[in-house]
Amino acid sequence: DDIADKEYEGRRAYIADYLDAKGRSILITKPTIKQGRVSGKEQIKHFVYLLESLAMNSADEQEEHVTWLIDLRGWSISSTPLSTSRESMHIVQNYYPGIIAVAILSNTPRIFESFWKIIKHFLEAKMSEKVKFLYTNNPENHKIVSEMFDMDLLETAFGGRNSITIDIDNYAERMRRSDLARGVLIIQTDINLISRHH
């Protein structure tokens, strides 16, 4: 498997190394980052791995203990095919119900509005209510974000002051330790970042 492709996917979806103001884990997805040669199926596998990690790290996987940040600046329909979006929503709602406390869509372009109208049909009412839109150039939005996150840790894509991109090697090591700590064998999937060093 191509290491570069795994690194692409690691930058597209990962668990942050800090928590929000309420102590919730933060899942970050950046669908506009170039995919490399990673297929939609591999993206879904990686997404499930992250959800499983988040669920297993909570005493109660039904508890709303995850804040999901989605960076949509520069989004286009090719960034997130409808089929991938539908499957992602199906997995979250049917296999990890209640894990998401809030889903924040950041800097959605105007073209996203039509896509959102379609996607909303696949969301249950409870999940739809958890979706919030964030525009980092909006002062009121900025105030809300500053109350939810440590702005020195939050990435600039979401209005924070942290301009450092994720270190894939450190991230892979952190996820490996997390897997071992909870007694779970490393999941061997094509897209698994952890296995790329061995």
N, C-alpha and C. Protein backbone atom coordinates (compact mmCIF):
# COMPACT_ATOMS: atom_id res chain seq x y z
N ASP A 1 0.84 -1.20 0.00
CA ASP A 1 0.00 0.00 0.00
C ASP A 1 0.87 1.25 0.00
N ASP A 2 0.43 2.25 -0.68
CA ASP A 2 1.22 3.47 -0.84
C ASP A 2 1.14 4.34 0.41
N ILE A 3 2.30 4.59 1.01
CA ILE A 3 2.36 5.40 2.23
C ILE A 3 1.79 6.78 1.99
N ALA A 4 2.08 7.35 0.83
CA ALA A 4 1.58 8.70 0.53
C ALA A 4 0.06 8.74 0.58
N ASP A 5 -0.59 7.70 0.06
CA ASP A 5 -2.05 7.66 0.08
C ASP A 5 -2.57 7.60 1.51
N LYS A 6 -1.88 6.85 2.36
CA LYS A 6 -2.30 6.75 3.76
C LYS A 6 -2.12 8.08 4.47
N GLU A 7 -1.07 8.79 4.11
CA GLU A 7 -0.86 10.10 4.71
C GLU A 7 -1.94 11.07 4.27
N TYR A 8 -2.33 10.98 2.99
CA TYR A 8 -3.44 11.83 2.51
C TYR A 8 -4.67 11.59 3.38
N GLU A 9 -5.00 10.31 3.58
CA GLU A 9 -6.21 9.98 4.34
C GLU A 9 -6.08 10.40 5.79
N GLY A 10 -4.86 10.32 6.34
CA GLY A 10 -4.62 10.76 7.71
C GLY A 10 -4.85 12.25 7.88
N ARG A 11 -4.57 13.00 6.83
CA ARG A 11 -4.79 14.45 6.90
C ARG A 11 -6.25 14.80 6.62
N ARG A 12 -6.96 13.90 5.97
CA ARG A 12 -8.37 14.14 5.65
C ARG A 12 -9.29 13.84 6.83
N ALA A 13 -8.91 12.91 7.69
CA ALA A 13 -9.76 12.53 8.82
C ALA A 13 -8.89 12.03 9.97
N TYR A 14 -9.05 12.63 11.14
CA TYR A 14 -8.23 12.23 12.29
C TYR A 14 -8.87 12.71 13.59
N ILE A 15 -8.38 12.17 14.69
CA ILE A 15 -8.84 12.56 16.02
C ILE A 15 -7.82 13.55 16.57
N ALA A 16 -8.29 14.72 16.98
CA ALA A 16 -7.40 15.76 17.50
C ALA A 16 -6.75 15.31 18.81
N ASP A 17 -5.60 15.92 19.14
CA ASP A 17 -4.91 15.56 20.38
C ASP A 17 -5.28 16.49 21.53
N TYR A 18 -6.42 17.15 21.43
CA TYR A 18 -6.93 18.00 22.50
C TYR A 18 -8.44 17.83 22.56
N LEU A 19 -9.05 18.31 23.64
CA LEU A 19 -10.49 18.19 23.84
C LEU A 19 -11.15 19.55 23.74
N ASP A 20 -12.48 19.56 23.60
CA ASP A 20 -13.17 20.85 23.60
C ASP A 20 -13.40 21.29 25.05
N ALA A 21 -14.05 22.43 25.24
CA ALA A 21 -14.23 23.00 26.58
C ALA A 21 -15.05 22.10 27.50
N LYS A 22 -15.84 21.21 26.92
CA LYS A 22 -16.67 20.30 27.73
C LYS A 22 -16.01 18.93 27.90
N GLY A 23 -14.74 18.83 27.49
CA GLY A 23 -14.01 17.58 27.66
C GLY A 23 -14.33 16.52 26.64
N ARG A 24 -14.91 16.93 25.52
CA ARG A 24 -15.28 15.97 24.48
C ARG A 24 -14.13 15.77 23.49
N SER A 25 -14.01 14.55 22.98
CA SER A 25 -13.03 14.26 21.92
C SER A 25 -13.44 15.01 20.66
N ILE A 26 -12.45 15.30 19.81
CA ILE A 26 -12.71 16.06 18.59
C ILE A 26 -12.31 15.24 17.37
N LEU A 27 -13.30 14.97 16.52
CA LEU A 27 -13.07 14.30 15.24
C LEU A 27 -13.00 15.37 14.17
N ILE A 28 -11.92 15.39 13.41
CA ILE A 28 -11.74 16.39 12.36
C ILE A 28 -11.74 15.71 10.99
N THR A 29 -12.57 16.22 10.09
CA THR A 29 -12.54 15.73 8.71
C THR A 29 -12.38 16.91 7.77
N LYS A 30 -11.56 16.69 6.73
CA LYS A 30 -11.27 17.73 5.75
C LYS A 30 -11.46 17.14 4.35
N PRO A 31 -12.70 17.01 3.92
CA PRO A 31 -12.97 16.35 2.64
C PRO A 31 -12.41 17.04 1.41
N THR A 32 -12.00 18.30 1.54
CA THR A 32 -11.48 19.00 0.36
C THR A 32 -10.01 18.70 0.09
N ILE A 33 -9.34 18.04 1.02
CA ILE A 33 -7.94 17.67 0.78
C ILE A 33 -7.89 16.60 -0.30
N LYS A 34 -6.97 16.76 -1.22
CA LYS A 34 -6.81 15.81 -2.33
C LYS A 34 -6.75 14.37 -1.82
N GLN A 35 -7.45 13.48 -2.49
CA GLN A 35 -7.59 12.10 -2.03
C GLN A 35 -6.41 11.20 -2.36
N GLY A 36 -5.54 11.59 -3.26
CA GLY A 36 -4.54 10.64 -3.72
C GLY A 36 -5.28 9.54 -4.47
N ARG A 37 -4.87 8.28 -4.26
CA ARG A 37 -5.54 7.17 -4.94
C ARG A 37 -6.45 6.38 -3.99
N VAL A 38 -6.83 7.00 -2.89
CA VAL A 38 -7.66 6.33 -1.89
C VAL A 38 -9.10 6.25 -2.38
N SER A 39 -9.66 5.03 -2.39
CA SER A 39 -11.03 4.84 -2.87
C SER A 39 -12.04 5.24 -1.81
N GLY A 40 -13.29 5.39 -2.24
CA GLY A 40 -14.36 5.71 -1.31
C GLY A 40 -14.49 4.63 -0.24
N LYS A 41 -14.33 3.37 -0.64
CA LYS A 41 -14.43 2.25 0.30
C LYS A 41 -13.34 2.35 1.37
N GLU A 42 -12.13 2.71 0.96
CA GLU A 42 -11.03 2.84 1.91
C GLU A 42 -11.26 4.02 2.85
N GLN A 43 -11.83 5.11 2.31
CA GLN A 43 -12.16 6.26 3.16
C GLN A 43 -13.15 5.85 4.25
N ILE A 44 -14.16 5.06 3.87
CA ILE A 44 -15.16 4.60 4.82
C ILE A 44 -14.52 3.71 5.89
N LYS A 45 -13.61 2.83 5.47
CA LYS A 45 -12.91 1.96 6.44
C LYS A 45 -12.16 2.80 7.47
N HIS A 46 -11.48 3.81 6.99
CA HIS A 46 -10.72 4.67 7.90
C HIS A 46 -11.66 5.43 8.83
N PHE A 47 -12.78 5.90 8.30
CA PHE A 47 -13.77 6.62 9.09
C PHE A 47 -14.34 5.72 10.20
N VAL A 48 -14.63 4.47 9.86
CA VAL A 48 -15.14 3.51 10.85
C VAL A 48 -14.09 3.26 11.93
N TYR A 49 -12.84 3.14 11.52
CA TYR A 49 -11.75 2.95 12.49
C TYR A 49 -11.73 4.10 13.50
N LEU A 50 -11.87 5.33 13.01
CA LEU A 50 -11.87 6.49 13.91
C LEU A 50 -13.08 6.47 14.84
N LEU A 51 -14.25 6.17 14.30
CA LEU A 51 -15.46 6.10 15.13
C LEU A 51 -15.33 5.02 16.19
N GLU A 52 -14.77 3.89 15.80
CA GLU A 52 -14.58 2.79 16.75
C GLU A 52 -13.62 3.20 17.86
N SER A 53 -12.54 3.89 17.49
CA SER A 53 -11.59 4.38 18.48
C SER A 53 -12.26 5.33 19.46
N LEU A 54 -13.08 6.23 18.93
CA LEU A 54 -13.79 7.19 19.78
C LEU A 54 -14.79 6.49 20.68
N ALA A 55 -15.51 5.52 20.15
CA ALA A 55 -16.50 4.79 20.95
C ALA A 55 -15.84 3.98 22.06
N MET A 56 -14.73 3.33 21.73
CA MET A 56 -14.05 2.47 22.71
C MET A 56 -13.36 3.28 23.80
N ASN A 57 -13.05 4.53 23.51
CA ASN A 57 -12.38 5.37 24.50
C ASN A 57 -13.36 6.04 25.45
N SER A 58 -14.63 5.72 25.30
CA SER A 58 -15.65 6.26 26.19
C SER A 58 -16.24 5.11 27.00
N ALA A 59 -16.57 5.39 28.26
CA ALA A 59 -17.18 4.37 29.11
C ALA A 59 -18.56 3.99 28.59
N ASP A 60 -19.21 4.93 27.92
CA ASP A 60 -20.56 4.70 27.41
C ASP A 60 -20.64 5.24 25.99
N GLU A 61 -20.63 4.34 25.00
CA GLU A 61 -20.57 4.81 23.62
C GLU A 61 -21.85 5.52 23.17
N GLN A 62 -22.92 5.44 23.97
CA GLN A 62 -24.14 6.17 23.63
C GLN A 62 -24.05 7.64 24.07
N GLU A 63 -23.15 7.91 24.97
CA GLU A 63 -23.00 9.27 25.48
C GLU A 63 -22.50 10.19 24.38
N GLU A 64 -23.03 11.39 24.32
CA GLU A 64 -22.60 12.36 23.30
C GLU A 64 -21.26 12.95 23.72
N HIS A 65 -20.20 12.32 23.30
CA HIS A 65 -18.88 12.72 23.79
C HIS A 65 -17.90 13.09 22.66
N VAL A 66 -18.44 13.34 21.47
CA VAL A 66 -17.57 13.70 20.34
C VAL A 66 -18.07 14.97 19.66
N THR A 67 -17.15 15.91 19.46
CA THR A 67 -17.43 17.09 18.65
C THR A 67 -16.80 16.85 17.28
N TRP A 68 -17.60 16.95 16.23
CA TRP A 68 -17.13 16.64 14.87
C TRP A 68 -16.97 17.95 14.11
N LEU A 69 -15.74 18.25 13.72
CA LEU A 69 -15.43 19.46 12.95
C LEU A 69 -15.17 19.07 11.49
N ILE A 70 -15.88 19.72 10.58
CA ILE A 70 -15.74 19.40 9.15
C ILE A 70 -15.35 20.68 8.40
N ASP A 71 -14.16 20.69 7.83
CA ASP A 71 -13.66 21.85 7.09
C ASP A 71 -14.10 21.75 5.63
N LEU A 72 -14.99 22.65 5.22
CA LEU A 72 -15.54 22.59 3.86
C LEU A 72 -15.12 23.77 2.99
N ARG A 73 -14.12 24.50 3.41
CA ARG A 73 -13.63 25.60 2.58
C ARG A 73 -13.12 25.05 1.25
N GLY A 74 -13.60 25.61 0.15
CA GLY A 74 -13.17 25.14 -1.17
C GLY A 74 -13.85 23.86 -1.62
N TRP A 75 -14.94 23.49 -0.95
CA TRP A 75 -15.64 22.24 -1.26
C TRP A 75 -16.23 22.23 -2.67
N SER A 76 -16.22 21.05 -3.29
CA SER A 76 -16.93 20.83 -4.55
C SER A 76 -17.55 19.44 -4.49
N ILE A 77 -18.45 19.12 -5.38
CA ILE A 77 -19.12 17.82 -5.36
C ILE A 77 -18.13 16.67 -5.48
N SER A 78 -17.01 16.90 -6.14
CA SER A 78 -16.00 15.83 -6.28
C SER A 78 -15.26 15.58 -4.97
N SER A 79 -15.31 16.55 -4.05
CA SER A 79 -14.65 16.37 -2.75
C SER A 79 -15.30 15.26 -1.95
N THR A 80 -16.61 15.21 -2.00
CA THR A 80 -17.37 14.23 -1.22
C THR A 80 -18.50 13.66 -2.06
N PRO A 81 -18.26 12.58 -2.77
CA PRO A 81 -19.34 11.98 -3.56
C PRO A 81 -20.56 11.68 -2.69
N LEU A 82 -21.74 11.81 -3.25
CA LEU A 82 -22.98 11.60 -2.51
C LEU A 82 -23.02 10.22 -1.87
N SER A 83 -22.54 9.22 -2.60
CA SER A 83 -22.58 7.84 -2.07
C SER A 83 -21.75 7.71 -0.80
N THR A 84 -20.57 8.35 -0.78
CA THR A 84 -19.71 8.31 0.40
C THR A 84 -20.36 9.02 1.57
N SER A 85 -20.98 10.17 1.29
CA SER A 85 -21.66 10.93 2.34
C SER A 85 -22.82 10.14 2.92
N ARG A 86 -23.60 9.51 2.05
CA ARG A 86 -24.75 8.72 2.51
C ARG A 86 -24.29 7.57 3.40
N GLU A 87 -23.25 6.88 2.97
CA GLU A 87 -22.77 5.74 3.74
C GLU A 87 -22.20 6.19 5.08
N SER A 88 -21.49 7.31 5.09
CA SER A 88 -20.94 7.85 6.34
C SER A 88 -22.06 8.15 7.33
N MET A 89 -23.11 8.81 6.85
CA MET A 89 -24.25 9.15 7.71
C MET A 89 -24.96 7.90 8.22
N HIS A 90 -25.09 6.91 7.34
CA HIS A 90 -25.73 5.65 7.73
C HIS A 90 -24.94 4.98 8.86
N ILE A 91 -23.63 4.96 8.73
CA ILE A 91 -22.78 4.33 9.75
C ILE A 91 -22.89 5.06 11.08
N VAL A 92 -22.78 6.38 11.05
CA VAL A 92 -22.86 7.16 12.29
C VAL A 92 -24.20 6.93 12.99
N GLN A 93 -25.28 7.01 12.24
CA GLN A 93 -26.61 6.95 12.84
C GLN A 93 -27.03 5.54 13.27
N ASN A 94 -26.56 4.51 12.56
CA ASN A 94 -27.01 3.15 12.86
C ASN A 94 -26.06 2.34 13.72
N TYR A 95 -24.76 2.64 13.65
CA TYR A 95 -23.80 1.86 14.41
C TYR A 95 -23.18 2.63 15.57
N TYR A 96 -23.22 3.94 15.51
CA TYR A 96 -22.67 4.76 16.59
C TYR A 96 -23.68 5.84 17.00
N PRO A 97 -24.92 5.43 17.27
CA PRO A 97 -25.94 6.43 17.60
C PRO A 97 -25.61 7.15 18.90
N GLY A 98 -25.74 8.45 18.88
CA GLY A 98 -25.52 9.22 20.10
C GLY A 98 -24.08 9.59 20.38
N ILE A 99 -23.14 9.09 19.58
CA ILE A 99 -21.72 9.39 19.86
C ILE A 99 -21.40 10.86 19.57
N ILE A 100 -22.07 11.45 18.57
CA ILE A 100 -21.81 12.84 18.18
C ILE A 100 -22.66 13.80 19.01
N ALA A 101 -21.99 14.75 19.67
CA ALA A 101 -22.69 15.78 20.44
C ALA A 101 -23.07 16.93 19.52
N VAL A 102 -22.13 17.31 18.66
CA VAL A 102 -22.37 18.40 17.71
C VAL A 102 -21.48 18.19 16.49
N ALA A 103 -22.01 18.52 15.32
CA ALA A 103 -21.23 18.45 14.06
C ALA A 103 -21.18 19.86 13.49
N ILE A 104 -19.98 20.39 13.36
CA ILE A 104 -19.81 21.77 12.90
C ILE A 104 -19.25 21.79 11.49
N LEU A 105 -20.04 22.33 10.56
CA LEU A 105 -19.61 22.46 9.17
C LEU A 105 -19.02 23.85 9.00
N SER A 106 -17.73 23.90 8.71
CA SER A 106 -17.01 25.17 8.67
C SER A 106 -16.83 25.71 7.25
N ASN A 107 -17.19 26.98 7.08
CA ASN A 107 -16.94 27.72 5.84
C ASN A 107 -17.47 27.02 4.59
N THR A 108 -18.75 26.65 4.62
CA THR A 108 -19.35 26.01 3.46
C THR A 108 -19.54 27.02 2.33
N PRO A 109 -19.12 26.68 1.11
CA PRO A 109 -19.34 27.59 -0.02
C PRO A 109 -20.81 27.55 -0.44
N ARG A 110 -21.23 28.52 -1.22
CA ARG A 110 -22.63 28.60 -1.63
C ARG A 110 -23.09 27.33 -2.36
N ILE A 111 -22.19 26.74 -3.14
CA ILE A 111 -22.55 25.54 -3.91
C ILE A 111 -22.95 24.38 -3.00
N PHE A 112 -22.48 24.41 -1.75
CA PHE A 112 -22.77 23.33 -0.82
C PHE A 112 -24.24 23.30 -0.40
N GLU A 113 -24.92 24.44 -0.51
CA GLU A 113 -26.31 24.53 -0.06
C GLU A 113 -27.21 23.50 -0.74
N SER A 114 -27.06 23.33 -2.05
CA SER A 114 -27.86 22.35 -2.79
C SER A 114 -27.55 20.93 -2.33
N PHE A 115 -26.26 20.66 -2.12
CA PHE A 115 -25.83 19.34 -1.65
C PHE A 115 -26.42 19.06 -0.27
N TRP A 116 -26.40 20.07 0.59
CA TRP A 116 -26.91 19.93 1.95
C TRP A 116 -28.40 19.58 1.95
N LYS A 117 -29.16 20.16 1.05
CA LYS A 117 -30.60 19.87 0.97
C LYS A 117 -30.84 18.39 0.68
N ILE A 118 -29.95 17.80 -0.11
CA ILE A 118 -30.06 16.36 -0.42
C ILE A 118 -29.64 15.53 0.80
N ILE A 119 -28.48 15.88 1.36
CA ILE A 119 -27.93 15.14 2.50
C ILE A 119 -28.88 15.14 3.69
N LYS A 120 -29.57 16.25 3.92
CA LYS A 120 -30.47 16.35 5.06
C LYS A 120 -31.53 15.26 5.06
N HIS A 121 -31.89 14.78 3.89
CA HIS A 121 -32.91 13.73 3.79
C HIS A 121 -32.42 12.40 4.37
N PHE A 122 -31.11 12.25 4.47
CA PHE A 122 -30.55 11.01 5.02
C PHE A 122 -30.27 11.12 6.51
N LEU A 123 -30.53 12.29 7.07
CA LEU A 123 -30.28 12.50 8.50
C LEU A 123 -31.56 12.35 9.30
N GLU A 124 -31.44 11.67 10.42
CA GLU A 124 -32.56 11.61 11.35
C GLU A 124 -32.68 12.99 11.99
N ALA A 125 -33.89 13.32 12.46
CA ALA A 125 -34.15 14.64 13.03
C ALA A 125 -33.18 14.97 14.16
N LYS A 126 -32.90 13.99 15.01
CA LYS A 126 -32.01 14.22 16.15
C LYS A 126 -30.60 14.59 15.69
N MET A 127 -30.13 13.91 14.64
CA MET A 127 -28.79 14.20 14.11
C MET A 127 -28.78 15.55 13.41
N SER A 128 -29.82 15.82 12.66
CA SER A 128 -29.90 17.09 11.92
C SER A 128 -29.83 18.28 12.86
N GLU A 129 -30.42 18.14 14.04
CA GLU A 129 -30.41 19.23 15.03
C GLU A 129 -29.01 19.49 15.57
N LYS A 130 -28.14 18.50 15.48
CA LYS A 130 -26.78 18.65 16.00
C LYS A 130 -25.85 19.35 15.03
N VAL A 131 -26.29 19.53 13.80
CA VAL A 131 -25.45 20.15 12.77
C VAL A 131 -25.50 21.67 12.89
N LYS A 132 -24.32 22.27 12.98
CA LYS A 132 -24.20 23.73 13.07
C LYS A 132 -23.28 24.21 11.95
N PHE A 133 -23.56 25.40 11.45
CA PHE A 133 -22.73 25.99 10.41
C PHE A 133 -21.85 27.07 11.03
N LEU A 134 -20.58 27.06 10.66
CA LEU A 134 -19.61 28.02 11.20
C LEU A 134 -18.95 28.78 10.05
N TYR A 135 -18.90 30.09 10.21
CA TYR A 135 -18.17 30.93 9.24
C TYR A 135 -17.14 31.71 10.04
N THR A 136 -15.87 31.41 9.80
CA THR A 136 -14.80 31.96 10.64
C THR A 136 -14.65 33.47 10.52
N ASN A 137 -15.22 34.08 9.46
CA ASN A 137 -15.14 35.54 9.32
C ASN A 137 -16.34 36.24 9.97
N ASN A 138 -17.20 35.47 10.62
CA ASN A 138 -18.37 36.03 11.29
C ASN A 138 -18.04 36.23 12.77
N PRO A 139 -18.05 37.48 13.26
CA PRO A 139 -17.68 37.77 14.66
C PRO A 139 -18.51 36.98 15.68
N GLU A 140 -19.79 36.83 15.42
CA GLU A 140 -20.66 36.10 16.36
C GLU A 140 -20.27 34.62 16.41
N ASN A 141 -19.97 34.06 15.23
CA ASN A 141 -19.51 32.66 15.17
C ASN A 141 -18.19 32.51 15.90
N HIS A 142 -17.31 33.48 15.73
CA HIS A 142 -16.00 33.44 16.36
C HIS A 142 -16.14 33.41 17.88
N LYS A 143 -17.07 34.15 18.40
CA LYS A 143 -17.32 34.20 19.85
C LYS A 143 -17.78 32.83 20.35
N ILE A 144 -18.68 32.20 19.61
CA ILE A 144 -19.19 30.88 19.99
C ILE A 144 -18.06 29.85 20.00
N VAL A 145 -17.22 29.90 18.96
CA VAL A 145 -16.10 28.95 18.85
C VAL A 145 -15.11 29.15 19.99
N SER A 146 -14.84 30.40 20.34
CA SER A 146 -13.87 30.69 21.41
C SER A 146 -14.36 30.18 22.76
N GLU A 147 -15.67 30.03 22.90
CA GLU A 147 -16.23 29.48 24.14
C GLU A 147 -16.19 27.96 24.14
N MET A 148 -16.11 27.38 22.96
CA MET A 148 -16.11 25.91 22.84
C MET A 148 -14.72 25.29 22.84
N PHE A 149 -13.71 26.07 22.41
CA PHE A 149 -12.38 25.50 22.21
C PHE A 149 -11.29 26.40 22.78
N ASP A 150 -10.13 25.79 23.03
CA ASP A 150 -8.92 26.55 23.33
C ASP A 150 -8.42 27.04 21.98
N MET A 151 -8.46 28.34 21.76
CA MET A 151 -8.15 28.90 20.44
C MET A 151 -6.69 28.71 20.05
N ASP A 152 -5.81 28.49 21.02
CA ASP A 152 -4.40 28.24 20.71
C ASP A 152 -4.21 26.83 20.15
N LEU A 153 -5.14 25.93 20.46
CA LEU A 153 -5.06 24.55 19.97
C LEU A 153 -5.90 24.33 18.72
N LEU A 154 -7.01 25.05 18.62
CA LEU A 154 -7.91 24.90 17.48
C LEU A 154 -7.25 25.37 16.19
N GLU A 155 -7.43 24.59 15.13
CA GLU A 155 -6.80 24.92 13.85
C GLU A 155 -7.41 26.17 13.21
N THR A 156 -6.59 26.84 12.43
CA THR A 156 -7.04 28.07 11.76
C THR A 156 -8.23 27.81 10.85
N ALA A 157 -8.37 26.61 10.31
CA ALA A 157 -9.50 26.28 9.43
C ALA A 157 -10.83 26.46 10.13
N PHE A 158 -10.81 26.39 11.47
CA PHE A 158 -12.04 26.52 12.25
C PHE A 158 -12.06 27.81 13.08
N GLY A 159 -11.16 28.73 12.74
CA GLY A 159 -11.13 30.01 13.42
C GLY A 159 -10.16 30.10 14.58
N GLY A 160 -9.39 29.03 14.81
CA GLY A 160 -8.42 29.03 15.90
C GLY A 160 -7.10 29.67 15.48
N ARG A 161 -6.12 29.58 16.38
CA ARG A 161 -4.81 30.19 16.10
C ARG A 161 -3.73 29.17 15.77
N ASN A 162 -4.06 27.89 15.76
CA ASN A 162 -3.07 26.85 15.50
C ASN A 162 -2.91 26.63 14.00
N SER A 163 -1.77 27.03 13.47
CA SER A 163 -1.53 26.90 12.03
C SER A 163 -0.66 25.68 11.70
N ILE A 164 -0.34 24.88 12.71
CA ILE A 164 0.50 23.70 12.50
C ILE A 164 -0.35 22.54 11.99
N THR A 165 0.06 21.94 10.89
CA THR A 165 -0.68 20.80 10.35
C THR A 165 -0.34 19.54 11.13
N ILE A 166 -1.19 18.55 11.03
CA ILE A 166 -1.01 17.31 11.78
C ILE A 166 0.30 16.62 11.40
N ASP A 167 1.01 16.12 12.43
CA ASP A 167 2.23 15.34 12.22
C ASP A 167 1.80 13.87 12.13
N ILE A 168 1.84 13.32 10.94
CA ILE A 168 1.33 11.97 10.71
C ILE A 168 2.05 10.92 11.55
N ASP A 169 3.37 11.04 11.69
CA ASP A 169 4.12 10.05 12.47
C ASP A 169 3.71 10.07 13.93
N ASN A 170 3.62 11.27 14.52
CA ASN A 170 3.21 11.38 15.91
C ASN A 170 1.78 10.90 16.09
N TYR A 171 0.94 11.23 15.12
CA TYR A 171 -0.47 10.81 15.20
C TYR A 171 -0.58 9.29 15.14
N ALA A 172 0.15 8.66 14.23
CA ALA A 172 0.12 7.20 14.10
C ALA A 172 0.56 6.54 15.41
N GLU A 173 1.60 7.10 16.03
CA GLU A 173 2.09 6.56 17.29
C GLU A 173 1.05 6.73 18.40
N ARG A 174 0.40 7.87 18.44
CA ARG A 174 -0.64 8.13 19.45
C ARG A 174 -1.80 7.15 19.30
N MET A 175 -2.22 6.91 18.05
CA MET A 175 -3.31 5.98 17.81
C MET A 175 -2.90 4.54 18.15
N ARG A 176 -1.64 4.19 17.88
CA ARG A 176 -1.16 2.85 18.22
C ARG A 176 -1.21 2.65 19.73
N ARG A 177 -0.74 3.65 20.48
CA ARG A 177 -0.77 3.55 21.94
C ARG A 177 -2.20 3.43 22.45
N SER A 178 -3.10 4.18 21.84
CA SER A 178 -4.51 4.13 22.23
C SER A 178 -5.10 2.74 21.98
N ASP A 179 -4.77 2.16 20.83
CA ASP A 179 -5.25 0.81 20.51
C ASP A 179 -4.74 -0.21 21.53
N LEU A 180 -3.45 -0.13 21.84
CA LEU A 180 -2.85 -1.08 22.76
C LEU A 180 -3.39 -0.89 24.17
N ALA A 181 -3.61 0.35 24.56
CA ALA A 181 -4.09 0.66 25.91
C ALA A 181 -5.46 0.05 26.18
N ARG A 182 -6.26 -0.05 25.17
CA ARG A 182 -7.60 -0.62 25.39
C ARG A 182 -7.65 -2.09 24.96
N GLY A 183 -6.47 -2.67 24.71
CA GLY A 183 -6.39 -4.10 24.45
C GLY A 183 -6.95 -4.53 23.12
N VAL A 184 -6.95 -3.65 22.17
CA VAL A 184 -7.49 -3.97 20.85
C VAL A 184 -6.34 -4.19 19.88
N LEU A 185 -6.38 -5.28 19.15
CA LEU A 185 -5.36 -5.51 18.14
C LEU A 185 -5.50 -4.46 17.05
N ILE A 186 -4.38 -4.06 16.49
CA ILE A 186 -4.40 -3.06 15.43
C ILE A 186 -5.23 -3.58 14.26
N ILE A 187 -6.18 -2.77 13.85
CA ILE A 187 -7.06 -3.14 12.74
C ILE A 187 -6.26 -3.10 11.44
N GLN A 188 -6.20 -4.23 10.76
CA GLN A 188 -5.43 -4.30 9.52
C GLN A 188 -6.34 -4.01 8.33
N THR A 189 -6.43 -2.76 7.96
CA THR A 189 -7.18 -2.40 6.76
C THR A 189 -6.22 -1.69 5.82
N ASP A 190 -6.61 -1.61 4.57
CA ASP A 190 -5.75 -0.98 3.56
C ASP A 190 -5.40 0.45 3.94
N ILE A 191 -6.31 1.11 4.65
CA ILE A 191 -6.11 2.53 4.91
C ILE A 191 -5.60 2.80 6.32
N ASN A 192 -5.31 1.74 7.09
CA ASN A 192 -4.93 1.92 8.49
C ASN A 192 -3.58 2.62 8.60
N LEU A 193 -3.59 3.81 9.13
CA LEU A 193 -2.36 4.60 9.28
C LEU A 193 -1.35 3.90 10.18
N ILE A 194 -1.85 3.20 11.18
CA ILE A 194 -0.97 2.64 12.19
C ILE A 194 -0.03 1.60 11.62
N SER A 195 -0.51 0.81 10.67
CA SER A 195 0.28 -0.31 10.16
C SER A 195 1.34 0.12 9.16
N ARG A 196 1.37 1.40 8.82
CA ARG A 196 2.25 1.80 7.72
C ARG A 196 3.73 1.74 8.07
N HIS A 197 4.06 1.67 9.36
CA HIS A 197 5.47 1.64 9.75
C HIS A 197 6.02 0.22 9.84
N HIS A 198 5.12 -0.78 9.73
CA HIS A 198 5.56 -2.16 9.94
C HIS A 198 5.25 -3.03 8.74
